[in-house]
Amino acid sequence: MKKVWLFVVSILTVAALAGAGLAAETMQTPAPSKPVHARKMGVPRITMGEVTAVTAGKNVSIKDEKGKTHRFNISKKTKIDGELKVGSKVDVTAMGHWAHEVKVAAAQAPAAAPAAPAAAQQD
């Protein structure tokens, strides 16, 4: 009977020590400071591209150089520098889907045609 009792006590001791080791491991694991979606929202991003659609006072769609279309919501607080219209080149600073600032690139004047050479005067 003593041997059985000793065997049961040693099994319970091993199980208790193993459980304590697992509990210590889980306590040492650092918890994430912020959820993934909160980290993405905390950093403003800049998207550069061409305006493909505008709904005045509501949203703007931008096609970037990779061909991906981004849609941003516009509010009364959104700062818009320049005339926002389809075909304009813009830089959008946004937090998530809300545009904070839209900078419209100034249209460059077309290059002037080269001047025609002056006609040679004949005497």
PDB file of N, CA and C in Angstrom:
ATOM      1  N   MET A   1       0.817  -1.190   0.000  1.00  0.00           N
ATOM      2  CA  MET A   1       0.000   0.000   0.000  1.00  0.00           C
ATOM      3  C   MET A   1       0.865   1.260   0.000  1.00  0.00           C
ATOM      4  N   LYS A   2       2.008   1.173   0.739  1.00  0.00           N
ATOM      5  CA  LYS A   2       2.887   2.319   0.779  1.00  0.00           C
ATOM      6  C   LYS A   2       3.438   2.639  -0.604  1.00  0.00           C
ATOM      7  N   LYS A   3       3.735   1.610  -1.397  1.00  0.00           N
ATOM      8  CA  LYS A   3       4.286   1.825  -2.731  1.00  0.00           C
ATOM      9  C   LYS A   3       3.270   2.518  -3.640  1.00  0.00           C
ATOM     10  N   VAL A   4       2.034   2.151  -3.545  1.00  0.00           N
ATOM     11  CA  VAL A   4       0.988   2.777  -4.366  1.00  0.00           C
ATOM     12  C   VAL A   4       0.824   4.238  -3.947  1.00  0.00           C
ATOM     13  N   TRP A   5       0.794   4.463  -2.640  1.00  0.00           N
ATOM     14  CA  TRP A   5       0.663   5.832  -2.141  1.00  0.00           C
ATOM     15  C   TRP A   5       1.842   6.696  -2.583  1.00  0.00           C
ATOM     16  N   LEU A   6       3.037   6.209  -2.538  1.00  0.00           N
ATOM     17  CA  LEU A   6       4.232   6.923  -2.965  1.00  0.00           C
ATOM     18  C   LEU A   6       4.174   7.201  -4.469  1.00  0.00           C
ATOM     19  N   PHE A   7       3.697   6.242  -5.238  1.00  0.00           N
ATOM     20  CA  PHE A   7       3.564   6.415  -6.677  1.00  0.00           C
ATOM     21  C   PHE A   7       2.551   7.517  -7.013  1.00  0.00           C
ATOM     22  N   VAL A   8       1.422   7.563  -6.342  1.00  0.00           N
ATOM     23  CA  VAL A   8       0.383   8.578  -6.567  1.00  0.00           C
ATOM     24  C   VAL A   8       0.913   9.962  -6.198  1.00  0.00           C
ATOM     25  N   VAL A   9       1.626  10.058  -5.081  1.00  0.00           N
ATOM     26  CA  VAL A   9       2.175  11.344  -4.644  1.00  0.00           C
ATOM     27  C   VAL A   9       3.200  11.846  -5.652  1.00  0.00           C
ATOM     28  N   SER A  10       4.053  10.983  -6.172  1.00  0.00           N
ATOM     29  CA  SER A  10       5.067  11.422  -7.142  1.00  0.00           C
ATOM     30  C   SER A  10       4.412  11.830  -8.465  1.00  0.00           C
ATOM     31  N   ILE A  11       3.372  11.181  -8.915  1.00  0.00           N
ATOM     32  CA  ILE A  11       2.654  11.582 -10.141  1.00  0.00           C
ATOM     33  C   ILE A  11       2.018  12.951  -9.937  1.00  0.00           C
ATOM     34  N   LEU A  12       1.385  13.179  -8.808  1.00  0.00           N
ATOM     35  CA  LEU A  12       0.756  14.474  -8.529  1.00  0.00           C
ATOM     36  C   LEU A  12       1.812  15.588  -8.436  1.00  0.00           C
ATOM     37  N   THR A  13       2.981  15.295  -7.882  1.00  0.00           N
ATOM     38  CA  THR A  13       4.063  16.283  -7.777  1.00  0.00           C
ATOM     39  C   THR A  13       4.568  16.673  -9.161  1.00  0.00           C
ATOM     40  N   VAL A  14       4.775  15.695 -10.011  1.00  0.00           N
ATOM     41  CA  VAL A  14       5.233  15.969 -11.375  1.00  0.00           C
ATOM     42  C   VAL A  14       4.183  16.799 -12.122  1.00  0.00           C
ATOM     43  N   ALA A  15       2.923  16.468 -11.993  1.00  0.00           N
ATOM     44  CA  ALA A  15       1.853  17.209 -12.664  1.00  0.00           C
ATOM     45  C   ALA A  15       1.786  18.646 -12.152  1.00  0.00           C
ATOM     46  N   ALA A  16       1.954  18.853 -10.866  1.00  0.00           N
ATOM     47  CA  ALA A  16       1.908  20.195 -10.284  1.00  0.00           C
ATOM     48  C   ALA A  16       3.080  21.037 -10.775  1.00  0.00           C
ATOM     49  N   LEU A  17       4.273  20.456 -10.831  1.00  0.00           N
ATOM     50  CA  LEU A  17       5.445  21.197 -11.318  1.00  0.00           C
ATOM     51  C   LEU A  17       5.309  21.545 -12.801  1.00  0.00           C
ATOM     52  N   ALA A  18       4.772  20.642 -13.599  1.00  0.00           N
ATOM     53  CA  ALA A  18       4.583  20.907 -15.025  1.00  0.00           C
ATOM     54  C   ALA A  18       3.563  22.040 -15.220  1.00  0.00           C
ATOM     55  N   GLY A  19       2.512  22.035 -14.446  1.00  0.00           N
ATOM     56  CA  GLY A  19       1.502  23.092 -14.532  1.00  0.00           C
ATOM     57  C   GLY A  19       2.056  24.438 -14.111  1.00  0.00           C
ATOM     58  N   ALA A  20       2.911  24.463 -13.107  1.00  0.00           N
ATOM     59  CA  ALA A  20       3.524  25.709 -12.656  1.00  0.00           C
ATOM     60  C   ALA A  20       4.461  26.261 -13.734  1.00  0.00           C
ATOM     61  N   GLY A  21       5.164  25.387 -14.438  1.00  0.00           N
ATOM     62  CA  GLY A  21       6.058  25.815 -15.511  1.00  0.00           C
ATOM     63  C   GLY A  21       5.278  26.429 -16.666  1.00  0.00           C
ATOM     64  N   LEU A  22       4.154  25.853 -17.029  1.00  0.00           N
ATOM     65  CA  LEU A  22       3.319  26.401 -18.100  1.00  0.00           C
ATOM     66  C   LEU A  22       2.713  27.735 -17.702  1.00  0.00           C
ATOM     67  N   ALA A  23       2.308  27.852 -16.460  1.00  0.00           N
ATOM     68  CA  ALA A  23       1.731  29.113 -15.980  1.00  0.00           C
ATOM     69  C   ALA A  23       2.775  30.223 -16.007  1.00  0.00           C
ATOM     70  N   ALA A  24       4.020  29.905 -15.661  1.00  0.00           N
ATOM     71  CA  ALA A  24       5.089  30.905 -15.681  1.00  0.00           C
ATOM     72  C   ALA A  24       5.370  31.357 -17.108  1.00  0.00           C
ATOM     73  N   GLU A  25       5.315  30.441 -18.089  1.00  0.00           N
ATOM     74  CA  GLU A  25       5.542  30.810 -19.485  1.00  0.00           C
ATOM     75  C   GLU A  25       4.475  31.763 -19.990  1.00  0.00           C
ATOM     76  N   THR A  26       3.227  31.512 -19.674  1.00  0.00           N
ATOM     77  CA  THR A  26       2.156  32.374 -20.157  1.00  0.00           C
ATOM     78  C   THR A  26       2.193  33.736 -19.491  1.00  0.00           C
ATOM     79  N   MET A  27       2.702  33.815 -18.276  1.00  0.00           N
ATOM     80  CA  MET A  27       2.796  35.102 -17.595  1.00  0.00           C
ATOM     81  C   MET A  27       3.914  35.952 -18.184  1.00  0.00           C
ATOM     82  N   GLN A  28       4.943  35.351 -18.748  1.00  0.00           N
ATOM     83  CA  GLN A  28       6.063  36.089 -19.308  1.00  0.00           C
ATOM     84  C   GLN A  28       5.787  36.584 -20.724  1.00  0.00           C
ATOM     85  N   THR A  29       4.787  36.061 -21.388  1.00  0.00           N
ATOM     86  CA  THR A  29       4.464  36.478 -22.743  1.00  0.00           C
ATOM     87  C   THR A  29       3.897  37.898 -22.706  1.00  0.00           C
ATOM     88  N   PRO A  30       4.539  38.859 -23.414  1.00  0.00           N
ATOM     89  CA  PRO A  30       4.038  40.226 -23.379  1.00  0.00           C
ATOM     90  C   PRO A  30       2.725  40.353 -24.142  1.00  0.00           C
ATOM     91  N   ALA A  31       1.820  41.084 -23.554  1.00  0.00           N
ATOM     92  CA  ALA A  31       0.529  41.327 -24.189  1.00  0.00           C
ATOM     93  C   ALA A  31       0.707  42.440 -25.215  1.00  0.00           C
ATOM     94  N   PRO A  32       0.023  42.372 -26.368  1.00  0.00           N
ATOM     95  CA  PRO A  32       0.137  43.444 -27.351  1.00  0.00           C
ATOM     96  C   PRO A  32      -0.359  44.760 -26.778  1.00  0.00           C
ATOM     97  N   SER A  33       0.384  45.836 -27.052  1.00  0.00           N
ATOM     98  CA  SER A  33       0.037  47.127 -26.471  1.00  0.00           C
ATOM     99  C   SER A  33      -1.227  47.720 -27.087  1.00  0.00           C
ATOM    100  N   LYS A  34      -1.396  47.543 -28.396  1.00  0.00           N
ATOM    101  CA  LYS A  34      -2.581  48.063 -29.072  1.00  0.00           C
ATOM    102  C   LYS A  34      -3.048  47.028 -30.087  1.00  0.00           C
ATOM    103  N   PRO A  35      -4.336  46.995 -30.370  1.00  0.00           N
ATOM    104  CA  PRO A  35      -4.802  46.104 -31.434  1.00  0.00           C
ATOM    105  C   PRO A  35      -4.225  46.553 -32.774  1.00  0.00           C
ATOM    106  N   VAL A  36      -4.138  45.641 -33.709  1.00  0.00           N
ATOM    107  CA  VAL A  36      -3.548  45.928 -35.016  1.00  0.00           C
ATOM    108  C   VAL A  36      -4.275  47.066 -35.712  1.00  0.00           C
ATOM    109  N   HIS A  37      -5.600  47.075 -35.709  1.00  0.00           N
ATOM    110  CA  HIS A  37      -6.346  48.127 -36.402  1.00  0.00           C
ATOM    111  C   HIS A  37      -6.112  49.495 -35.777  1.00  0.00           C
ATOM    112  N   ALA A  38      -5.860  49.559 -34.481  1.00  0.00           N
ATOM    113  CA  ALA A  38      -5.604  50.851 -33.829  1.00  0.00           C
ATOM    114  C   ALA A  38      -4.250  51.405 -34.244  1.00  0.00           C
ATOM    115  N   ARG A  39      -3.262  50.546 -34.450  1.00  0.00           N
ATOM    116  CA  ARG A  39      -1.949  51.013 -34.879  1.00  0.00           C
ATOM    117  C   ARG A  39      -2.014  51.573 -36.287  1.00  0.00           C
ATOM    118  N   LYS A  40      -2.788  50.982 -37.157  1.00  0.00           N
ATOM    119  CA  LYS A  40      -2.905  51.484 -38.521  1.00  0.00           C
ATOM    120  C   LYS A  40      -3.585  52.850 -38.542  1.00  0.00           C
ATOM    121  N   MET A  41      -4.527  53.070 -37.660  1.00  0.00           N
ATOM    122  CA  MET A  41      -5.254  54.333 -37.632  1.00  0.00           C
ATOM    123  C   MET A  41      -4.414  55.457 -37.035  1.00  0.00           C
ATOM    124  N   GLY A  42      -3.413  55.145 -36.230  1.00  0.00           N
ATOM    125  CA  GLY A  42      -2.656  56.168 -35.538  1.00  0.00           C
ATOM    126  C   GLY A  42      -1.637  56.895 -36.395  1.00  0.00           C
ATOM    127  N   VAL A  43      -1.288  56.365 -37.550  1.00  0.00           N
ATOM    128  CA  VAL A  43      -0.255  56.961 -38.380  1.00  0.00           C
ATOM    129  C   VAL A  43      -0.881  57.478 -39.669  1.00  0.00           C
ATOM    130  N   PRO A  44      -0.751  58.784 -39.939  1.00  0.00           N
ATOM    131  CA  PRO A  44      -1.307  59.295 -41.197  1.00  0.00           C
ATOM    132  C   PRO A  44      -0.501  58.759 -42.383  1.00  0.00           C
ATOM    133  N   ARG A  45      -1.191  58.523 -43.482  1.00  0.00           N
ATOM    134  CA  ARG A  45      -0.503  58.060 -44.680  1.00  0.00           C
ATOM    135  C   ARG A  45      -0.777  59.027 -45.812  1.00  0.00           C
ATOM    136  N   ILE A  46       0.153  59.096 -46.732  1.00  0.00           N
ATOM    137  CA  ILE A  46       0.025  59.989 -47.873  1.00  0.00           C
ATOM    138  C   ILE A  46      -0.140  59.136 -49.121  1.00  0.00           C
ATOM    139  N   THR A  47      -1.180  59.419 -49.882  1.00  0.00           N
ATOM    140  CA  THR A  47      -1.430  58.722 -51.129  1.00  0.00           C
ATOM    141  C   THR A  47      -1.336  59.736 -52.256  1.00  0.00           C
ATOM    142  N   MET A  48      -0.520  59.414 -53.247  1.00  0.00           N
ATOM    143  CA  MET A  48      -0.353  60.302 -54.398  1.00  0.00           C
ATOM    144  C   MET A  48      -0.943  59.631 -55.628  1.00  0.00           C
ATOM    145  N   GLY A  49      -1.635  60.427 -56.437  1.00  0.00           N
ATOM    146  CA  GLY A  49      -2.200  59.854 -57.645  1.00  0.00           C
ATOM    147  C   GLY A  49      -3.093  60.833 -58.372  1.00  0.00           C
ATOM    148  N   GLU A  50      -3.924  60.286 -59.251  1.00  0.00           N
ATOM    149  CA  GLU A  50      -4.806  61.085 -60.089  1.00  0.00           C
ATOM    150  C   GLU A  50      -6.248  60.878 -59.634  1.00  0.00           C
ATOM    151  N   VAL A  51      -7.002  61.972 -59.593  1.00  0.00           N
ATOM    152  CA  VAL A  51      -8.400  61.914 -59.174  1.00  0.00           C
ATOM    153  C   VAL A  51      -9.208  61.230 -60.277  1.00  0.00           C
ATOM    154  N   THR A  52      -9.960  60.189 -59.897  1.00  0.00           N
ATOM    155  CA  THR A  52     -10.815  59.488 -60.859  1.00  0.00           C
ATOM    156  C   THR A  52     -12.283  59.814 -60.657  1.00  0.00           C
ATOM    157  N   ALA A  53     -12.658  60.250 -59.451  1.00  0.00           N
ATOM    158  CA  ALA A  53     -14.056  60.610 -59.180  1.00  0.00           C
ATOM    159  C   ALA A  53     -14.106  61.529 -57.967  1.00  0.00           C
ATOM    160  N   VAL A  54     -15.049  62.480 -58.006  1.00  0.00           N
ATOM    161  CA  VAL A  54     -15.242  63.402 -56.890  1.00  0.00           C
ATOM    162  C   VAL A  54     -16.732  63.543 -56.628  1.00  0.00           C
ATOM    163  N   THR A  55     -17.136  63.376 -55.383  1.00  0.00           N
ATOM    164  CA  THR A  55     -18.486  63.701 -54.943  1.00  0.00           C
ATOM    165  C   THR A  55     -18.309  64.851 -53.972  1.00  0.00           C
ATOM    166  N   ALA A  56     -18.717  66.042 -54.392  1.00  0.00           N
ATOM    167  CA  ALA A  56     -18.460  67.265 -53.630  1.00  0.00           C
ATOM    168  C   ALA A  56     -18.913  67.131 -52.183  1.00  0.00           C
ATOM    169  N   GLY A  57     -17.983  67.404 -51.273  1.00  0.00           N
ATOM    170  CA  GLY A  57     -18.287  67.373 -49.849  1.00  0.00           C
ATOM    171  C   GLY A  57     -18.434  65.994 -49.252  1.00  0.00           C
ATOM    172  N   LYS A  58     -18.286  64.934 -50.043  1.00  0.00           N
ATOM    173  CA  LYS A  58     -18.470  63.584 -49.511  1.00  0.00           C
ATOM    174  C   LYS A  58     -17.221  62.720 -49.640  1.00  0.00           C
ATOM    175  N   ASN A  59     -16.733  62.512 -50.883  1.00  0.00           N
ATOM    176  CA  ASN A  59     -15.568  61.644 -51.047  1.00  0.00           C
ATOM    177  C   ASN A  59     -14.833  61.936 -52.346  1.00  0.00           C
ATOM    178  N   VAL A  60     -13.639  61.372 -52.440  1.00  0.00           N
ATOM    179  CA  VAL A  60     -12.799  61.495 -53.627  1.00  0.00           C
ATOM    180  C   VAL A  60     -12.120  60.143 -53.848  1.00  0.00           C
ATOM    181  N   SER A  61     -11.998  59.741 -55.117  1.00  0.00           N
ATOM    182  CA  SER A  61     -11.317  58.499 -55.468  1.00  0.00           C
ATOM    183  C   SER A  61     -10.024  58.841 -56.189  1.00  0.00           C
ATOM    184  N   ILE A  62      -8.948  58.178 -55.777  1.00  0.00           N
ATOM    185  CA  ILE A  62      -7.611  58.440 -56.300  1.00  0.00           C
ATOM    186  C   ILE A  62      -7.059  57.139 -56.875  1.00  0.00           C
ATOM    187  N   LYS A  63      -6.449  57.221 -58.059  1.00  0.00           N
ATOM    188  CA  LYS A  63      -5.760  56.071 -58.643  1.00  0.00           C
ATOM    189  C   LYS A  63      -4.274  56.328 -58.522  1.00  0.00           C
ATOM    190  N   ASP A  64      -3.559  55.453 -57.768  1.00  0.00           N
ATOM    191  CA  ASP A  64      -2.121  55.667 -57.560  1.00  0.00           C
ATOM    192  C   ASP A  64      -1.317  55.157 -58.747  1.00  0.00           C
ATOM    193  N   GLU A  65       0.008  55.306 -58.690  1.00  0.00           N
ATOM    194  CA  GLU A  65       0.856  54.925 -59.824  1.00  0.00           C
ATOM    195  C   GLU A  65       0.886  53.423 -60.060  1.00  0.00           C
ATOM    196  N   LYS A  66       0.482  52.631 -59.084  1.00  0.00           N
ATOM    197  CA  LYS A  66       0.419  51.185 -59.249  1.00  0.00           C
ATOM    198  C   LYS A  66      -0.912  50.742 -59.855  1.00  0.00           C
ATOM    199  N   GLY A  67      -1.836  51.696 -60.016  1.00  0.00           N
ATOM    200  CA  GLY A  67      -3.131  51.380 -60.601  1.00  0.00           C
ATOM    201  C   GLY A  67      -4.211  51.052 -59.584  1.00  0.00           C
ATOM    202  N   LYS A  68      -3.888  51.109 -58.304  1.00  0.00           N
ATOM    203  CA  LYS A  68      -4.863  50.801 -57.254  1.00  0.00           C
ATOM    204  C   LYS A  68      -5.696  52.045 -56.956  1.00  0.00           C
ATOM    205  N   THR A  69      -6.996  51.865 -56.811  1.00  0.00           N
ATOM    206  CA  THR A  69      -7.897  52.976 -56.525  1.00  0.00           C
ATOM    207  C   THR A  69      -8.170  53.056 -55.026  1.00  0.00           C
ATOM    208  N   HIS A  70      -8.030  54.263 -54.476  1.00  0.00           N
ATOM    209  CA  HIS A  70      -8.285  54.528 -53.056  1.00  0.00           C
ATOM    210  C   HIS A  70      -9.431  55.523 -52.971  1.00  0.00           C
ATOM    211  N   ARG A  71     -10.336  55.303 -52.021  1.00  0.00           N
ATOM    212  CA  ARG A  71     -11.466  56.218 -51.828  1.00  0.00           C
ATOM    213  C   ARG A  71     -11.364  56.828 -50.440  1.00  0.00           C
ATOM    214  N   PHE A  72     -11.422  58.162 -50.382  1.00  0.00           N
ATOM    215  CA  PHE A  72     -11.311  58.876 -49.120  1.00  0.00           C
ATOM    216  C   PHE A  72     -12.556  59.707 -48.883  1.00  0.00           C
ATOM    217  N   ASN A  73     -13.022  59.705 -47.643  1.00  0.00           N
ATOM    218  CA  ASN A  73     -14.151  60.550 -47.256  1.00  0.00           C
ATOM    219  C   ASN A  73     -13.658  61.968 -46.990  1.00  0.00           C
ATOM    220  N   ILE A  74     -14.484  62.927 -47.331  1.00  0.00           N
ATOM    221  CA  ILE A  74     -14.155  64.334 -47.128  1.00  0.00           C
ATOM    222  C   ILE A  74     -15.172  64.911 -46.145  1.00  0.00           C
ATOM    223  N   SER A  75     -14.667  65.715 -45.189  1.00  0.00           N
ATOM    224  CA  SER A  75     -15.558  66.369 -44.233  1.00  0.00           C
ATOM    225  C   SER A  75     -15.337  67.876 -44.292  1.00  0.00           C
ATOM    226  N   LYS A  76     -16.054  68.596 -43.456  1.00  0.00           N
ATOM    227  CA  LYS A  76     -15.874  70.048 -43.391  1.00  0.00           C
ATOM    228  C   LYS A  76     -14.487  70.407 -42.882  1.00  0.00           C
ATOM    229  N   LYS A  77     -13.872  69.509 -42.139  1.00  0.00           N
ATOM    230  CA  LYS A  77     -12.549  69.759 -41.574  1.00  0.00           C
ATOM    231  C   LYS A  77     -11.416  69.451 -42.565  1.00  0.00           C
ATOM    232  N   THR A  78     -11.733  68.814 -43.688  1.00  0.00           N
ATOM    233  CA  THR A  78     -10.706  68.467 -44.667  1.00  0.00           C
ATOM    234  C   THR A  78     -10.186  69.737 -45.340  1.00  0.00           C
ATOM    235  N   LYS A  79      -8.870  69.906 -45.314  1.00  0.00           N
ATOM    236  CA  LYS A  79      -8.233  71.072 -45.934  1.00  0.00           C
ATOM    237  C   LYS A  79      -7.934  70.712 -47.390  1.00  0.00           C
ATOM    238  N   ILE A  80      -8.476  71.490 -48.326  1.00  0.00           N
ATOM    239  CA  ILE A  80      -8.264  71.238 -49.748  1.00  0.00           C
ATOM    240  C   ILE A  80      -7.525  72.427 -50.339  1.00  0.00           C
ATOM    241  N   ASP A  81      -6.311  72.176 -50.836  1.00  0.00           N
ATOM    242  CA  ASP A  81      -5.493  73.209 -51.463  1.00  0.00           C
ATOM    243  C   ASP A  81      -5.598  73.054 -52.971  1.00  0.00           C
ATOM    244  N   GLY A  82      -6.309  73.964 -53.623  1.00  0.00           N
ATOM    245  CA  GLY A  82      -6.450  73.925 -55.082  1.00  0.00           C
ATOM    246  C   GLY A  82      -7.835  73.464 -55.484  1.00  0.00           C
ATOM    247  N   GLU A  83      -8.026  73.360 -56.800  1.00  0.00           N
ATOM    248  CA  GLU A  83      -9.324  72.958 -57.345  1.00  0.00           C
ATOM    249  C   GLU A  83      -9.333  71.450 -57.538  1.00  0.00           C
ATOM    250  N   LEU A  84     -10.216  70.773 -56.819  1.00  0.00           N
ATOM    251  CA  LEU A  84     -10.301  69.315 -56.842  1.00  0.00           C
ATOM    252  C   LEU A  84     -11.249  68.902 -57.959  1.00  0.00           C
ATOM    253  N   LYS A  85     -10.699  68.291 -59.018  1.00  0.00           N
ATOM    254  CA  LYS A  85     -11.523  67.845 -60.135  1.00  0.00           C
ATOM    255  C   LYS A  85     -10.911  66.586 -60.740  1.00  0.00           C
ATOM    256  N   VAL A  86     -11.713  65.873 -61.510  1.00  0.00           N
ATOM    257  CA  VAL A  86     -11.261  64.632 -62.139  1.00  0.00           C
ATOM    258  C   VAL A  86     -10.084  64.940 -63.057  1.00  0.00           C
ATOM    259  N   GLY A  87      -9.045  64.121 -62.943  1.00  0.00           N
ATOM    260  CA  GLY A  87      -7.854  64.281 -63.763  1.00  0.00           C
ATOM    261  C   GLY A  87      -6.734  65.034 -63.067  1.00  0.00           C
ATOM    262  N   SER A  88      -7.022  65.669 -61.936  1.00  0.00           N
ATOM    263  CA  SER A  88      -6.002  66.414 -61.196  1.00  0.00           C
ATOM    264  C   SER A  88      -5.049  65.461 -60.496  1.00  0.00           C
ATOM    265  N   LYS A  89      -3.791  65.851 -60.405  1.00  0.00           N
ATOM    266  CA  LYS A  89      -2.802  65.105 -59.631  1.00  0.00           C
ATOM    267  C   LYS A  89      -2.874  65.626 -58.204  1.00  0.00           C
ATOM    268  N   VAL A  90      -2.980  64.718 -57.232  1.00  0.00           N
ATOM    269  CA  VAL A  90      -3.156  65.128 -55.835  1.00  0.00           C
ATOM    270  C   VAL A  90      -2.291  64.300 -54.892  1.00  0.00           C
ATOM    271  N   ASP A  91      -2.056  64.876 -53.712  1.00  0.00           N
ATOM    272  CA  ASP A  91      -1.452  64.183 -52.578  1.00  0.00           C
ATOM    273  C   ASP A  91      -2.485  64.237 -51.459  1.00  0.00           C
ATOM    274  N   VAL A  92      -2.930  63.080 -50.978  1.00  0.00           N
ATOM    275  CA  VAL A  92      -3.946  63.014 -49.931  1.00  0.00           C
ATOM    276  C   VAL A  92      -3.303  62.503 -48.648  1.00  0.00           C
ATOM    277  N   THR A  93      -3.400  63.289 -47.574  1.00  0.00           N
ATOM    278  CA  THR A  93      -2.958  62.860 -46.250  1.00  0.00           C
ATOM    279  C   THR A  93      -4.204  62.405 -45.512  1.00  0.00           C
ATOM    280  N   ALA A  94      -4.207  61.142 -45.083  1.00  0.00           N
ATOM    281  CA  ALA A  94      -5.418  60.576 -44.493  1.00  0.00           C
ATOM    282  C   ALA A  94      -5.103  59.717 -43.287  1.00  0.00           C
ATOM    283  N   MET A  95      -6.097  59.603 -42.418  1.00  0.00           N
ATOM    284  CA  MET A  95      -6.083  58.677 -41.290  1.00  0.00           C
ATOM    285  C   MET A  95      -7.211  57.685 -41.570  1.00  0.00           C
ATOM    286  N   GLY A  96      -6.851  56.492 -41.988  1.00  0.00           N
ATOM    287  CA  GLY A  96      -7.872  55.525 -42.365  1.00  0.00           C
ATOM    288  C   GLY A  96      -8.518  55.965 -43.666  1.00  0.00           C
ATOM    289  N   HIS A  97      -9.845  56.063 -43.665  1.00  0.00           N
ATOM    290  CA  HIS A  97     -10.575  56.468 -44.864  1.00  0.00           C
ATOM    291  C   HIS A  97     -10.934  57.946 -44.868  1.00  0.00           C
ATOM    292  N   TRP A  98     -10.543  58.692 -43.852  1.00  0.00           N
ATOM    293  CA  TRP A  98     -10.871  60.114 -43.760  1.00  0.00           C
ATOM    294  C   TRP A  98      -9.700  60.972 -44.200  1.00  0.00           C
ATOM    295  N   ALA A  99      -9.919  61.794 -45.228  1.00  0.00           N
ATOM    296  CA  ALA A  99      -8.874  62.689 -45.727  1.00  0.00           C
ATOM    297  C   ALA A  99      -8.770  63.896 -44.802  1.00  0.00           C
ATOM    298  N   HIS A 100      -7.545  64.194 -44.358  1.00  0.00           N
ATOM    299  CA  HIS A 100      -7.308  65.382 -43.535  1.00  0.00           C
ATOM    300  C   HIS A 100      -6.875  66.555 -44.404  1.00  0.00           C
ATOM    301  N   GLU A 101      -6.101  66.238 -45.453  1.00  0.00           N
ATOM    302  CA  GLU A 101      -5.602  67.291 -46.329  1.00  0.00           C
ATOM    303  C   GLU A 101      -5.477  66.746 -47.742  1.00  0.00           C
ATOM    304  N   VAL A 102      -5.889  67.574 -48.714  1.00  0.00           N
ATOM    305  CA  VAL A 102      -5.760  67.226 -50.122  1.00  0.00           C
ATOM    306  C   VAL A 102      -5.017  68.366 -50.798  1.00  0.00           C
ATOM    307  N   LYS A 103      -3.840  68.060 -51.350  1.00  0.00           N
ATOM    308  CA  LYS A 103      -3.053  69.065 -52.062  1.00  0.00           C
ATOM    309  C   LYS A 103      -3.128  68.761 -53.552  1.00  0.00           C
ATOM    310  N   VAL A 104      -3.690  69.713 -54.298  1.00  0.00           N
ATOM    311  CA  VAL A 104      -3.799  69.557 -55.736  1.00  0.00           C
ATOM    312  C   VAL A 104      -2.537  70.135 -56.357  1.00  0.00           C
ATOM    313  N   ALA A 105      -1.873  69.343 -57.201  1.00  0.00           N
ATOM    314  CA  ALA A 105      -0.650  69.806 -57.860  1.00  0.00           C
ATOM    315  C   ALA A 105      -1.006  70.894 -58.867  1.00  0.00           C
ATOM    316  N   ALA A 106      -0.182  71.932 -58.907  1.00  0.00           N
ATOM    317  CA  ALA A 106      -0.407  73.021 -59.855  1.00  0.00           C
ATOM    318  C   ALA A 106      -0.172  72.502 -61.263  1.00  0.00           C
ATOM    319  N   ALA A 107      -1.083  72.836 -62.149  1.00  0.00           N
ATOM    320  CA  ALA A 107      -0.942  72.410 -63.542  1.00  0.00           C
ATOM    321  C   ALA A 107       0.231  73.153 -64.157  1.00  0.00           C
ATOM    322  N   GLN A 108       1.101  72.419 -64.790  1.00  0.00           N
ATOM    323  CA  GLN A 108       2.258  73.047 -65.409  1.00  0.00           C
ATOM    324  C   GLN A 108       1.845  73.612 -66.756  1.00  0.00           C
ATOM    325  N   ALA A 109       2.381  74.796 -67.069  1.00  0.00           N
ATOM    326  CA  ALA A 109       2.086  75.407 -68.355  1.00  0.00           C
ATOM    327  C   ALA A 109       2.713  74.555 -69.445  1.00  0.00           C
ATOM    328  N   PRO A 110       2.021  74.400 -70.578  1.00  0.00           N
ATOM    329  CA  PRO A 110       2.598  73.598 -71.647  1.00  0.00           C
ATOM    330  C   PRO A 110       3.887  74.236 -72.148  1.00  0.00           C
ATOM    331  N   ALA A 111       4.802  73.401 -72.526  1.00  0.00           N
ATOM    332  CA  ALA A 111       6.089  73.911 -73.001  1.00  0.00           C
ATOM    333  C   ALA A 111       5.871  74.737 -74.262  1.00  0.00           C
ATOM    334  N   ALA A 112       6.517  75.889 -74.323  1.00  0.00           N
ATOM    335  CA  ALA A 112       6.369  76.763 -75.481  1.00  0.00           C
ATOM    336  C   ALA A 112       7.060  76.121 -76.680  1.00  0.00           C
ATOM    337  N   ALA A 113       6.460  76.315 -77.845  1.00  0.00           N
ATOM    338  CA  ALA A 113       7.047  75.786 -79.068  1.00  0.00           C
ATOM    339  C   ALA A 113       8.340  76.547 -79.346  1.00  0.00           C
ATOM    340  N   PRO A 114       9.338  75.881 -79.888  1.00  0.00           N
ATOM    341  CA  PRO A 114      10.586  76.589 -80.180  1.00  0.00           C
ATOM    342  C   PRO A 114      10.343  77.683 -81.216  1.00  0.00           C
ATOM    343  N   ALA A 115      11.038  78.786 -81.017  1.00  0.00           N
ATOM    344  CA  ALA A 115      10.860  79.927 -81.926  1.00  0.00           C
ATOM    345  C   ALA A 115      11.399  79.552 -83.298  1.00  0.00           C
ATOM    346  N   ALA A 116      10.685  80.036 -84.316  1.00  0.00           N
ATOM    347  CA  ALA A 116      11.112  79.770 -85.694  1.00  0.00           C
ATOM    348  C   ALA A 116      12.373  80.604 -85.981  1.00  0.00           C
ATOM    349  N   PRO A 117      13.305  80.037 -86.718  1.00  0.00           N
ATOM    350  CA  PRO A 117      14.514  80.801 -87.027  1.00  0.00           C
ATOM    351  C   PRO A 117      14.162  82.040 -87.867  1.00  0.00           C
ATOM    352  N   ALA A 118      14.858  83.107 -87.582  1.00  0.00           N
ATOM    353  CA  ALA A 118      14.608  84.354 -88.324  1.00  0.00           C
ATOM    354  C   ALA A 118      15.003  84.168 -89.771  1.00  0.00           C
ATOM    355  N   ALA A 119      14.198  84.710 -90.646  1.00  0.00           N
ATOM    356  CA  ALA A 119      14.483  84.603 -92.085  1.00  0.00           C
ATOM    357  C   ALA A 119      15.739  85.387 -92.414  1.00  0.00           C
ATOM    358  N   ALA A 120      16.596  84.816 -93.185  1.00  0.00           N
ATOM    359  CA  ALA A 120      17.846  85.496 -93.548  1.00  0.00           C
ATOM    360  C   ALA A 120      17.517  86.659 -94.495  1.00  0.00           C
ATOM    361  N   GLN A 121      18.110  87.792 -94.236  1.00  0.00           N
ATOM    362  CA  GLN A 121      17.865  88.963 -95.083  1.00  0.00           C
ATOM    363  C   GLN A 121      18.779  88.870 -96.290  1.00  0.00           C
ATOM    364  N   GLN A 122      18.230  89.157 -97.435  1.00  0.00           N
ATOM    365  CA  GLN A 122      19.034  89.161 -98.649  1.00  0.00           C
ATOM    366  C   GLN A 122      19.223  90.594 -99.088  1.00  0.00           C
ATOM    367  N   ASP A 123      20.441  90.975 -99.458  1.00  0.00           N
ATOM    368  CA  ASP A 123      20.714  92.341 -99.922  1.00  0.00           C
ATOM    369  C   ASP A 123      20.743  92.407-101.382  1.00  0.00           C
TER     370      ASP A 123
END
